[in-house]
Amino acid sequence: MNKIWLLFLFICLICVCGCKKEKHWSNKEWAEFSTWAENYKKALSPPNVPSVPPYSPPTITHFIPPGPPSLTPERAEEAEKLINDYFPTGIGTRWVYEITIGETEPLRQQTNYWTENNGQTLVQLVKGRFSTLVGSNNKPPKTFRLIIKIKKKTAADLESSSENVELAIEEDELGIFKHGKKVSWRQTSYLGAIVIEEIVVYSPKNFGLFDIKQDGYSSHPIFLASNVRIGYSEEIYILFIGIEASRLHLRRTVNAADSRPGRPPDYLDKAFIEDMWFEKGKGLVRLEQRIDGLVSMTWRLVDFSN
């Protein structure tokens, strides 16, 4: 369009120069010509419609500040006692949960870590619905079974971790560990506190990352063995609430996600909290997820053996 406009002006100047040999234009005539040329330029230009930038996912950052070089002796002793009492990890320990869907649909969130072919780490935030509850013509059942068993103890295979235990997922009707190739718990020192994380190993193909060759993993806190509140990442934190009627009460909070450019927030962007209660000698006996104050999902321990 600019080339056409320049060509038009060039032709007009030639015509004007030719006219000047016979007639000298007055200032009024030059002003009229300039106004006409400006209007013609506007007519050639596209309408002034505000441009809409193409959608690009929000930048995902994951920053873990370095903690103290070691736990204080007092906090280490406290953490060891809480883990021994409320988080059993003996081989063969088995939990059977009944998971009930509540007044609103539950959400899930995980942070995946992938090693790209150039050695850099790609962090992928995944937040969404449980696939079992999506796309069914029939109303899904309100109750699902989850059976977890400690399979074996394994050596540390990730940075800053100590002893791991690998889990066997014997039954998972809701699909909590769907596509997981390996599930384990690891105990790690984080910001001067002891945290137990749940690690799930995935193939990159399950998340549309066909250029990445190595398996990745997700990590999120499931137990906090210190009387503190920890911001585990920008998206999630875990809080030690206290001992209630012989049960240890923790709360995990997932912050609301940033809305995508060009559209209002939707249900998947909502924040949610998960209250967890642990019983001595049994571990997690109840989990309750809430969204906007409504119960969306409840886990209840119905059978335990060790």
C-alpha atoms as a PDB file:
ATOM      1  CA  MET A   1       0.000   0.000   0.000  1.00  0.00           C
ATOM      2  CA  ASN A   2       2.878   2.428   0.757  1.00  0.00           C
ATOM      3  CA  LYS A   3       4.425   1.741  -2.678  1.00  0.00           C
ATOM      4  CA  ILE A   4       1.088   2.567  -4.396  1.00  0.00           C
ATOM      5  CA  TRP A   5       0.804   5.780  -2.400  1.00  0.00           C
ATOM      6  CA  LEU A   6       4.373   6.877  -3.270  1.00  0.00           C
ATOM      7  CA  LEU A   7       3.784   6.109  -6.955  1.00  0.00           C
ATOM      8  CA  PHE A   8       0.586   8.177  -6.875  1.00  0.00           C
ATOM      9  CA  LEU A   9       2.393  11.169  -5.317  1.00  0.00           C
ATOM     10  CA  PHE A  10       5.197  10.890  -7.896  1.00  0.00           C
ATOM     11  CA  ILE A  11       2.671  11.029 -10.757  1.00  0.00           C
ATOM     12  CA  CYS A  12       0.905  13.970  -9.136  1.00  0.00           C
ATOM     13  CA  LEU A  13       4.192  15.892  -8.825  1.00  0.00           C
ATOM     14  CA  ILE A  14       4.966  15.324 -12.500  1.00  0.00           C
ATOM     15  CA  CYS A  15       1.518  16.642 -13.368  1.00  0.00           C
ATOM     16  CA  VAL A  16       1.993  19.652 -11.096  1.00  0.00           C
ATOM     17  CA  CYS A  17       5.372  20.468 -12.604  1.00  0.00           C
ATOM     18  CA  GLY A  18       3.787  20.316 -16.018  1.00  0.00           C
ATOM     19  CA  CYS A  19       0.995  22.608 -14.894  1.00  0.00           C
ATOM     20  CA  LYS A  20       3.407  25.140 -13.461  1.00  0.00           C
ATOM     21  CA  LYS A  21       4.712  25.931 -16.957  1.00  0.00           C
ATOM     22  CA  GLU A  22       1.274  27.255 -17.890  1.00  0.00           C
ATOM     23  CA  LYS A  23      -0.095  28.320 -14.496  1.00  0.00           C
ATOM     24  CA  HIS A  24       1.303  29.196 -11.089  1.00  0.00           C
ATOM     25  CA  TRP A  25      -0.839  27.605  -8.348  1.00  0.00           C
ATOM     26  CA  SER A  26      -2.090  29.850  -5.597  1.00  0.00           C
ATOM     27  CA  ASN A  27      -1.760  28.997  -1.936  1.00  0.00           C
ATOM     28  CA  LYS A  28      -5.488  28.207  -1.812  1.00  0.00           C
ATOM     29  CA  GLU A  29      -5.165  25.758  -4.718  1.00  0.00           C
ATOM     30  CA  TRP A  30      -2.199  24.038  -3.044  1.00  0.00           C
ATOM     31  CA  ALA A  31      -4.202  23.728   0.192  1.00  0.00           C
ATOM     32  CA  GLU A  32      -7.177  22.200  -1.658  1.00  0.00           C
ATOM     33  CA  PHE A  33      -4.852  19.749  -3.399  1.00  0.00           C
ATOM     34  CA  SER A  34      -3.219  18.726  -0.115  1.00  0.00           C
ATOM     35  CA  THR A  35      -6.629  18.109   1.515  1.00  0.00           C
ATOM     36  CA  TRP A  36      -7.768  16.024  -1.440  1.00  0.00           C
ATOM     37  CA  ALA A  37      -4.537  13.969  -1.390  1.00  0.00           C
ATOM     38  CA  GLU A  38      -4.870  13.291   2.358  1.00  0.00           C
ATOM     39  CA  ASN A  39      -8.477  12.117   1.929  1.00  0.00           C
ATOM     40  CA  TYR A  40      -7.416   9.865  -0.938  1.00  0.00           C
ATOM     41  CA  LYS A  41      -4.680   8.342   1.239  1.00  0.00           C
ATOM     42  CA  LYS A  42      -7.227   7.584   3.983  1.00  0.00           C
ATOM     43  CA  ALA A  43      -9.497   5.923   1.454  1.00  0.00           C
ATOM     44  CA  LEU A  44      -6.673   3.607   0.388  1.00  0.00           C
ATOM     45  CA  SER A  45      -5.784   2.678   3.977  1.00  0.00           C
ATOM     46  CA  PRO A  46      -7.536  -0.195   5.794  1.00  0.00           C
ATOM     47  CA  PRO A  47     -10.045   0.724   8.506  1.00  0.00           C
ATOM     48  CA  ASN A  48      -8.541   1.584  11.874  1.00  0.00           C
ATOM     49  CA  VAL A  49      -9.514  -1.585  13.745  1.00  0.00           C
ATOM     50  CA  PRO A  50      -7.616  -2.329  16.970  1.00  0.00           C
ATOM     51  CA  SER A  51      -5.381  -5.337  16.459  1.00  0.00           C
ATOM     52  CA  VAL A  52      -5.846  -8.379  18.697  1.00  0.00           C
ATOM     53  CA  PRO A  53      -2.546 -10.030  19.630  1.00  0.00           C
ATOM     54  CA  PRO A  54      -2.384 -13.779  18.982  1.00  0.00           C
ATOM     55  CA  TYR A  55      -2.938 -15.955  22.047  1.00  0.00           C
ATOM     56  CA  SER A  56       0.168 -17.160  23.789  1.00  0.00           C
ATOM     57  CA  PRO A  57       0.073 -19.141  27.044  1.00  0.00           C
ATOM     58  CA  PRO A  58       1.193 -17.241  30.144  1.00  0.00           C
ATOM     59  CA  THR A  59       4.844 -17.539  30.984  1.00  0.00           C
ATOM     60  CA  ILE A  60       5.369 -20.258  33.574  1.00  0.00           C
ATOM     61  CA  THR A  61       7.997 -19.620  36.212  1.00  0.00           C
ATOM     62  CA  HIS A  62       8.971 -21.866  39.076  1.00  0.00           C
ATOM     63  CA  PHE A  63      11.339 -20.401  41.620  1.00  0.00           C
ATOM     64  CA  ILE A  64      12.444 -22.311  44.703  1.00  0.00           C
ATOM     65  CA  PRO A  65      14.520 -20.071  46.970  1.00  0.00           C
ATOM     66  CA  PRO A  66      17.470 -21.828  48.575  1.00  0.00           C
ATOM     67  CA  GLY A  67      16.808 -22.873  52.143  1.00  0.00           C
ATOM     68  CA  PRO A  68      19.190 -23.067  55.092  1.00  0.00           C
ATOM     69  CA  PRO A  69      22.131 -25.442  54.525  1.00  0.00           C
ATOM     70  CA  SER A  70      20.739 -27.842  57.124  1.00  0.00           C
ATOM     71  CA  LEU A  71      17.853 -28.329  59.520  1.00  0.00           C
ATOM     72  CA  THR A  72      18.236 -27.225  63.095  1.00  0.00           C
ATOM     73  CA  PRO A  73      18.542 -30.223  65.457  1.00  0.00           C
ATOM     74  CA  GLU A  74      15.249 -29.299  67.126  1.00  0.00           C
ATOM     75  CA  ARG A  75      13.333 -29.135  63.863  1.00  0.00           C
ATOM     76  CA  ALA A  76      14.924 -32.334  62.553  1.00  0.00           C
ATOM     77  CA  GLU A  77      13.877 -34.176  65.721  1.00  0.00           C
ATOM     78  CA  GLU A  78      10.334 -32.793  65.463  1.00  0.00           C
ATOM     79  CA  ALA A  79      10.090 -33.784  61.782  1.00  0.00           C
ATOM     80  CA  GLU A  80      11.310 -37.329  62.422  1.00  0.00           C
ATOM     81  CA  LYS A  81       8.706 -37.827  65.142  1.00  0.00           C
ATOM     82  CA  LEU A  82       5.848 -36.476  62.988  1.00  0.00           C
ATOM     83  CA  ILE A  83       6.819 -38.710  60.047  1.00  0.00           C
ATOM     84  CA  ASN A  84       7.151 -41.807  62.228  1.00  0.00           C
ATOM     85  CA  ASP A  85       3.769 -41.117  63.813  1.00  0.00           C
ATOM     86  CA  TYR A  86       1.668 -39.866  60.917  1.00  0.00           C
ATOM     87  CA  PHE A  87       3.287 -41.021  57.655  1.00  0.00           C
ATOM     88  CA  PRO A  88       3.997 -44.795  57.636  1.00  0.00           C
ATOM     89  CA  THR A  89       6.247 -45.989  54.809  1.00  0.00           C
ATOM     90  CA  GLY A  90       6.767 -49.666  55.561  1.00  0.00           C
ATOM     91  CA  ILE A  91       6.900 -52.034  52.604  1.00  0.00           C
ATOM     92  CA  GLY A  92       3.496 -53.602  52.016  1.00  0.00           C
ATOM     93  CA  THR A  93       1.522 -50.790  53.673  1.00  0.00           C
ATOM     94  CA  ARG A  94      -1.776 -50.500  51.799  1.00  0.00           C
ATOM     95  CA  TRP A  95      -4.492 -47.835  51.707  1.00  0.00           C
ATOM     96  CA  VAL A  96      -7.981 -48.164  50.201  1.00  0.00           C
ATOM     97  CA  TYR A  97      -9.781 -44.848  49.656  1.00  0.00           C
ATOM     98  CA  GLU A  98     -13.351 -44.068  48.705  1.00  0.00           C
ATOM     99  CA  ILE A  99     -13.382 -40.828  46.681  1.00  0.00           C
ATOM    100  CA  THR A 100     -16.718 -39.008  46.501  1.00  0.00           C
ATOM    101  CA  ILE A 101     -17.497 -36.163  44.089  1.00  0.00           C
ATOM    102  CA  GLY A 102     -19.169 -33.269  45.902  1.00  0.00           C
ATOM    103  CA  GLU A 103     -21.375 -30.289  45.103  1.00  0.00           C
ATOM    104  CA  THR A 104     -19.144 -29.052  42.281  1.00  0.00           C
ATOM    105  CA  GLU A 105     -16.621 -30.648  39.944  1.00  0.00           C
ATOM    106  CA  PRO A 106     -13.114 -31.138  41.402  1.00  0.00           C
ATOM    107  CA  LEU A 107      -9.975 -29.731  39.791  1.00  0.00           C
ATOM    108  CA  ARG A 108      -6.413 -31.005  39.596  1.00  0.00           C
ATOM    109  CA  GLN A 109      -3.085 -29.206  39.328  1.00  0.00           C
ATOM    110  CA  GLN A 110       0.441 -30.420  38.740  1.00  0.00           C
ATOM    111  CA  THR A 111       3.770 -28.956  37.737  1.00  0.00           C
ATOM    112  CA  ASN A 112       5.740 -31.035  35.240  1.00  0.00           C
ATOM    113  CA  TYR A 113       9.499 -30.832  34.726  1.00  0.00           C
ATOM    114  CA  TRP A 114      11.079 -31.894  31.428  1.00  0.00           C
ATOM    115  CA  THR A 115      14.712 -31.966  30.333  1.00  0.00           C
ATOM    116  CA  GLU A 116      14.920 -30.631  26.785  1.00  0.00           C
ATOM    117  CA  ASN A 117      17.388 -31.987  24.253  1.00  0.00           C
ATOM    118  CA  ASN A 118      19.689 -28.993  24.863  1.00  0.00           C
ATOM    119  CA  GLY A 119      19.852 -29.793  28.585  1.00  0.00           C
ATOM    120  CA  GLN A 120      17.602 -26.960  29.740  1.00  0.00           C
ATOM    121  CA  THR A 121      14.630 -27.591  32.040  1.00  0.00           C
ATOM    122  CA  LEU A 122      11.125 -26.915  30.760  1.00  0.00           C
ATOM    123  CA  VAL A 123       8.502 -26.268  33.449  1.00  0.00           C
ATOM    124  CA  GLN A 124       4.896 -27.006  32.470  1.00  0.00           C
ATOM    125  CA  LEU A 125       1.944 -26.034  34.654  1.00  0.00           C
ATOM    126  CA  VAL A 126      -1.062 -28.308  34.112  1.00  0.00           C
ATOM    127  CA  LYS A 127      -4.419 -27.468  35.664  1.00  0.00           C
ATOM    128  CA  GLY A 128      -7.680 -29.015  34.623  1.00  0.00           C
ATOM    129  CA  ARG A 129     -10.411 -31.586  35.173  1.00  0.00           C
ATOM    130  CA  PHE A 130     -10.271 -35.319  35.787  1.00  0.00           C
ATOM    131  CA  SER A 131     -10.710 -37.003  32.411  1.00  0.00           C
ATOM    132  CA  THR A 132     -12.982 -39.663  33.922  1.00  0.00           C
ATOM    133  CA  LEU A 133     -15.557 -36.936  34.611  1.00  0.00           C
ATOM    134  CA  VAL A 134     -15.346 -35.450  31.098  1.00  0.00           C
ATOM    135  CA  GLY A 135     -17.014 -36.531  27.870  1.00  0.00           C
ATOM    136  CA  SER A 136     -19.266 -39.264  29.200  1.00  0.00           C
ATOM    137  CA  ASN A 137     -22.822 -39.452  27.867  1.00  0.00           C
ATOM    138  CA  ASN A 138     -23.886 -41.198  31.049  1.00  0.00           C
ATOM    139  CA  LYS A 139     -23.665 -39.485  34.400  1.00  0.00           C
ATOM    140  CA  PRO A 140     -20.425 -40.697  36.013  1.00  0.00           C
ATOM    141  CA  PRO A 141     -20.597 -42.464  39.368  1.00  0.00           C
ATOM    142  CA  LYS A 142     -20.300 -40.275  42.419  1.00  0.00           C
ATOM    143  CA  THR A 143     -17.831 -42.604  44.165  1.00  0.00           C
ATOM    144  CA  PHE A 144     -14.472 -43.974  43.000  1.00  0.00           C
ATOM    145  CA  ARG A 145     -11.932 -46.343  44.537  1.00  0.00           C
ATOM    146  CA  LEU A 146      -8.205 -45.690  44.879  1.00  0.00           C
ATOM    147  CA  ILE A 147      -5.869 -48.390  46.214  1.00  0.00           C
ATOM    148  CA  ILE A 148      -2.230 -47.537  46.946  1.00  0.00           C
ATOM    149  CA  LYS A 149       0.453 -49.905  48.241  1.00  0.00           C
ATOM    150  CA  ILE A 150       4.109 -49.327  49.082  1.00  0.00           C
ATOM    151  CA  LYS A 151       6.000 -51.540  46.674  1.00  0.00           C
ATOM    152  CA  LYS A 152       9.629 -51.051  47.674  1.00  0.00           C
ATOM    153  CA  LYS A 153      12.223 -48.633  48.930  1.00  0.00           C
ATOM    154  CA  THR A 154      14.451 -47.104  46.263  1.00  0.00           C
ATOM    155  CA  ALA A 155      17.634 -45.068  46.155  1.00  0.00           C
ATOM    156  CA  ALA A 156      17.406 -41.329  45.612  1.00  0.00           C
ATOM    157  CA  ASP A 157      17.154 -40.524  41.931  1.00  0.00           C
ATOM    158  CA  LEU A 158      16.401 -36.798  41.999  1.00  0.00           C
ATOM    159  CA  GLU A 159      18.336 -33.833  43.352  1.00  0.00           C
ATOM    160  CA  SER A 160      18.035 -32.872  47.035  1.00  0.00           C
ATOM    161  CA  SER A 161      16.091 -36.012  47.916  1.00  0.00           C
ATOM    162  CA  SER A 162      16.770 -38.707  50.461  1.00  0.00           C
ATOM    163  CA  GLU A 163      15.252 -42.161  50.587  1.00  0.00           C
ATOM    164  CA  ASN A 164      12.331 -42.785  48.206  1.00  0.00           C
ATOM    165  CA  VAL A 165       9.529 -45.334  48.395  1.00  0.00           C
ATOM    166  CA  GLU A 166       7.935 -46.556  45.168  1.00  0.00           C
ATOM    167  CA  LEU A 167       4.184 -47.117  45.088  1.00  0.00           C
ATOM    168  CA  ALA A 168       2.028 -49.684  43.342  1.00  0.00           C
ATOM    169  CA  ILE A 169      -1.267 -48.197  42.150  1.00  0.00           C
ATOM    170  CA  GLU A 170      -3.543 -51.227  42.369  1.00  0.00           C
ATOM    171  CA  GLU A 171      -6.769 -49.416  41.455  1.00  0.00           C
ATOM    172  CA  ASP A 172      -7.421 -45.858  40.258  1.00  0.00           C
ATOM    173  CA  GLU A 173     -10.998 -45.433  39.030  1.00  0.00           C
ATOM    174  CA  LEU A 174     -10.871 -41.622  38.918  1.00  0.00           C
ATOM    175  CA  GLY A 175      -7.583 -41.505  36.978  1.00  0.00           C
ATOM    176  CA  ILE A 176      -5.547 -39.538  39.515  1.00  0.00           C
ATOM    177  CA  PHE A 177      -2.335 -41.212  38.320  1.00  0.00           C
ATOM    178  CA  LYS A 178      -3.406 -41.640  34.698  1.00  0.00           C
ATOM    179  CA  HIS A 179      -0.404 -42.049  32.321  1.00  0.00           C
ATOM    180  CA  GLY A 180       1.981 -42.237  35.290  1.00  0.00           C
ATOM    181  CA  LYS A 181       4.828 -44.653  34.567  1.00  0.00           C
ATOM    182  CA  LYS A 182       6.140 -44.607  38.140  1.00  0.00           C
ATOM    183  CA  VAL A 183       4.808 -43.118  41.374  1.00  0.00           C
ATOM    184  CA  SER A 184       6.978 -42.544  44.430  1.00  0.00           C
ATOM    185  CA  TRP A 185       7.243 -40.500  47.605  1.00  0.00           C
ATOM    186  CA  ARG A 186      10.442 -38.717  48.536  1.00  0.00           C
ATOM    187  CA  GLN A 187      11.499 -36.920  51.681  1.00  0.00           C
ATOM    188  CA  THR A 188      13.413 -33.702  51.158  1.00  0.00           C
ATOM    189  CA  SER A 189      14.666 -30.719  53.135  1.00  0.00           C
ATOM    190  CA  TYR A 190      13.031 -27.541  51.869  1.00  0.00           C
ATOM    191  CA  LEU A 191      13.488 -24.066  53.338  1.00  0.00           C
ATOM    192  CA  GLY A 192      14.589 -25.521  56.653  1.00  0.00           C
ATOM    193  CA  ALA A 193      11.627 -27.904  56.907  1.00  0.00           C
ATOM    194  CA  ILE A 194      10.969 -31.524  55.981  1.00  0.00           C
ATOM    195  CA  VAL A 195       8.530 -32.027  53.107  1.00  0.00           C
ATOM    196  CA  ILE A 196       7.357 -35.297  51.579  1.00  0.00           C
ATOM    197  CA  GLU A 197       6.668 -34.944  47.882  1.00  0.00           C
ATOM    198  CA  GLU A 198       4.756 -37.156  45.508  1.00  0.00           C
ATOM    199  CA  ILE A 199       6.715 -37.788  42.302  1.00  0.00           C
ATOM    200  CA  VAL A 200       5.003 -39.133  39.173  1.00  0.00           C
ATOM    201  CA  VAL A 201       7.087 -39.985  36.089  1.00  0.00           C
ATOM    202  CA  TYR A 202       5.493 -39.352  32.678  1.00  0.00           C
ATOM    203  CA  SER A 203       6.290 -39.800  29.021  1.00  0.00           C
ATOM    204  CA  PRO A 204       6.438 -36.432  27.204  1.00  0.00           C
ATOM    205  CA  LYS A 205       4.131 -37.799  24.481  1.00  0.00           C
ATOM    206  CA  ASN A 206       1.254 -37.873  26.963  1.00  0.00           C
ATOM    207  CA  PHE A 207       1.505 -34.074  27.207  1.00  0.00           C
ATOM    208  CA  GLY A 208       2.021 -33.311  23.512  1.00  0.00           C
ATOM    209  CA  LEU A 209       5.800 -32.805  23.788  1.00  0.00           C
ATOM    210  CA  PHE A 210       6.949 -34.982  20.896  1.00  0.00           C
ATOM    211  CA  ASP A 211      10.341 -33.253  20.485  1.00  0.00           C
ATOM    212  CA  ILE A 212      11.502 -34.182  24.010  1.00  0.00           C
ATOM    213  CA  LYS A 213      13.105 -37.611  24.299  1.00  0.00           C
ATOM    214  CA  GLN A 214      13.475 -38.072  28.082  1.00  0.00           C
ATOM    215  CA  ASP A 215      10.720 -38.848  30.562  1.00  0.00           C
ATOM    216  CA  GLY A 216       9.723 -36.005  32.864  1.00  0.00           C
ATOM    217  CA  TYR A 217       8.101 -35.884  36.280  1.00  0.00           C
ATOM    218  CA  SER A 218       5.600 -33.950  38.346  1.00  0.00           C
ATOM    219  CA  SER A 219       6.168 -32.989  41.953  1.00  0.00           C
ATOM    220  CA  HIS A 220       3.852 -31.639  44.637  1.00  0.00           C
ATOM    221  CA  PRO A 221       3.876 -31.669  48.463  1.00  0.00           C
ATOM    222  CA  ILE A 222       1.683 -34.183  50.285  1.00  0.00           C
ATOM    223  CA  PHE A 223       3.079 -33.938  53.836  1.00  0.00           C
ATOM    224  CA  LEU A 224       4.740 -31.182  55.858  1.00  0.00           C
ATOM    225  CA  ALA A 225       6.659 -32.345  58.918  1.00  0.00           C
ATOM    226  CA  SER A 226       7.199 -28.915  60.478  1.00  0.00           C
ATOM    227  CA  ASN A 227       4.941 -26.377  62.163  1.00  0.00           C
ATOM    228  CA  VAL A 228       5.358 -23.787  59.390  1.00  0.00           C
ATOM    229  CA  ARG A 229       3.723 -22.465  56.228  1.00  0.00           C
ATOM    230  CA  ILE A 230       5.719 -23.026  53.035  1.00  0.00           C
ATOM    231  CA  GLY A 231       5.238 -21.385  49.646  1.00  0.00           C
ATOM    232  CA  TYR A 232       6.186 -24.429  47.609  1.00  0.00           C
ATOM    233  CA  SER A 233       6.030 -22.465  44.348  1.00  0.00           C
ATOM    234  CA  GLU A 234       4.243 -19.460  42.899  1.00  0.00           C
ATOM    235  CA  GLU A 235       1.157 -21.622  42.397  1.00  0.00           C
ATOM    236  CA  ILE A 236       0.938 -23.756  45.532  1.00  0.00           C
ATOM    237  CA  TYR A 237       1.709 -23.666  49.232  1.00  0.00           C
ATOM    238  CA  ILE A 238       1.191 -26.023  52.156  1.00  0.00           C
ATOM    239  CA  LEU A 239       0.314 -25.041  55.715  1.00  0.00           C
ATOM    240  CA  PHE A 240       0.700 -26.896  59.004  1.00  0.00           C
ATOM    241  CA  ILE A 241      -2.545 -26.198  60.889  1.00  0.00           C
ATOM    242  CA  GLY A 242      -2.069 -28.403  63.958  1.00  0.00           C
ATOM    243  CA  ILE A 243      -3.155 -31.498  65.861  1.00  0.00           C
ATOM    244  CA  GLU A 244      -6.938 -31.883  66.078  1.00  0.00           C
ATOM    245  CA  ALA A 245      -8.390 -34.759  68.133  1.00  0.00           C
ATOM    246  CA  SER A 246      -5.220 -36.824  67.639  1.00  0.00           C
ATOM    247  CA  ARG A 247      -5.183 -36.114  63.895  1.00  0.00           C
ATOM    248  CA  LEU A 248      -2.578 -33.979  62.139  1.00  0.00           C
ATOM    249  CA  HIS A 249      -4.245 -31.331  59.953  1.00  0.00           C
ATOM    250  CA  LEU A 250      -2.485 -29.866  56.893  1.00  0.00           C
ATOM    251  CA  ARG A 251      -3.854 -27.577  54.179  1.00  0.00           C
ATOM    252  CA  ARG A 252      -2.640 -27.369  50.589  1.00  0.00           C
ATOM    253  CA  THR A 253      -3.709 -24.307  48.576  1.00  0.00           C
ATOM    254  CA  VAL A 254      -3.545 -23.902  44.794  1.00  0.00           C
ATOM    255  CA  ASN A 255      -3.790 -20.277  43.673  1.00  0.00           C
ATOM    256  CA  ALA A 256      -6.091 -19.055  40.929  1.00  0.00           C
ATOM    257  CA  ALA A 257      -4.507 -19.147  37.480  1.00  0.00           C
ATOM    258  CA  ASP A 258      -4.056 -16.039  35.336  1.00  0.00           C
ATOM    259  CA  SER A 259      -6.852 -15.737  32.790  1.00  0.00           C
ATOM    260  CA  ARG A 260      -5.949 -16.121  29.139  1.00  0.00           C
ATOM    261  CA  PRO A 261      -5.668 -12.919  27.084  1.00  0.00           C
ATOM    262  CA  GLY A 262      -8.894 -11.977  25.358  1.00  0.00           C
ATOM    263  CA  ARG A 263     -11.307 -13.990  27.501  1.00  0.00           C
ATOM    264  CA  PRO A 264     -12.731 -13.834  31.022  1.00  0.00           C
ATOM    265  CA  PRO A 265     -11.632 -16.343  33.682  1.00  0.00           C
ATOM    266  CA  ASP A 266     -13.380 -19.699  33.621  1.00  0.00           C
ATOM    267  CA  TYR A 267     -13.862 -22.577  36.045  1.00  0.00           C
ATOM    268  CA  LEU A 268     -10.430 -24.087  35.358  1.00  0.00           C
ATOM    269  CA  ASP A 269      -8.757 -20.877  36.558  1.00  0.00           C
ATOM    270  CA  LYS A 270     -10.279 -21.065  40.028  1.00  0.00           C
ATOM    271  CA  ALA A 271      -8.271 -21.504  43.209  1.00  0.00           C
ATOM    272  CA  PHE A 272      -8.926 -24.489  45.438  1.00  0.00           C
ATOM    273  CA  ILE A 273      -7.869 -25.759  48.841  1.00  0.00           C
ATOM    274  CA  GLU A 274      -7.319 -29.312  50.034  1.00  0.00           C
ATOM    275  CA  ASP A 275      -7.547 -30.041  53.744  1.00  0.00           C
ATOM    276  CA  MET A 276      -5.763 -33.259  54.734  1.00  0.00           C
ATOM    277  CA  TRP A 277      -6.017 -35.176  58.007  1.00  0.00           C
ATOM    278  CA  PHE A 278      -3.417 -37.771  59.042  1.00  0.00           C
ATOM    279  CA  GLU A 279      -3.914 -40.327  61.796  1.00  0.00           C
ATOM    280  CA  LYS A 280      -1.177 -41.930  63.887  1.00  0.00           C
ATOM    281  CA  GLY A 281      -0.024 -45.214  62.409  1.00  0.00           C
ATOM    282  CA  LYS A 282      -2.250 -44.864  59.316  1.00  0.00           C
ATOM    283  CA  GLY A 283      -1.255 -41.743  57.432  1.00  0.00           C
ATOM    284  CA  LEU A 284      -3.817 -39.874  55.313  1.00  0.00           C
ATOM    285  CA  VAL A 285      -7.340 -40.792  56.434  1.00  0.00           C
ATOM    286  CA  ARG A 286      -9.323 -37.910  54.901  1.00  0.00           C
ATOM    287  CA  LEU A 287      -8.873 -35.279  52.177  1.00  0.00           C
ATOM    288  CA  GLU A 288     -11.420 -32.602  51.378  1.00  0.00           C
ATOM    289  CA  GLN A 289     -11.158 -30.300  48.366  1.00  0.00           C
ATOM    290  CA  ARG A 290     -13.148 -27.045  48.261  1.00  0.00           C
ATOM    291  CA  ILE A 291     -13.756 -24.599  45.417  1.00  0.00           C
ATOM    292  CA  ASP A 292     -15.532 -21.298  46.176  1.00  0.00           C
ATOM    293  CA  GLY A 293     -16.483 -22.732  49.554  1.00  0.00           C
ATOM    294  CA  LEU A 294     -18.197 -25.804  48.051  1.00  0.00           C
ATOM    295  CA  VAL A 295     -16.939 -29.344  48.658  1.00  0.00           C
ATOM    296  CA  SER A 296     -15.800 -30.710  45.297  1.00  0.00           C
ATOM    297  CA  MET A 297     -14.138 -33.979  46.324  1.00  0.00           C
ATOM    298  CA  THR A 298     -13.630 -36.056  49.472  1.00  0.00           C
ATOM    299  CA  TRP A 299     -11.215 -38.932  50.099  1.00  0.00           C
ATOM    300  CA  ARG A 300     -12.079 -41.295  52.951  1.00  0.00           C
ATOM    301  CA  LEU A 301      -9.888 -44.166  54.123  1.00  0.00           C
ATOM    302  CA  VAL A 302     -12.051 -47.312  54.192  1.00  0.00           C
ATOM    303  CA  ASP A 303      -9.374 -49.973  54.672  1.00  0.00           C
ATOM    304  CA  PHE A 304      -5.777 -50.001  55.888  1.00  0.00           C
ATOM    305  CA  SER A 305      -3.198 -52.727  56.376  1.00  0.00           C
ATOM    306  CA  ASN A 306       0.548 -52.900  56.998  1.00  0.00           C
END
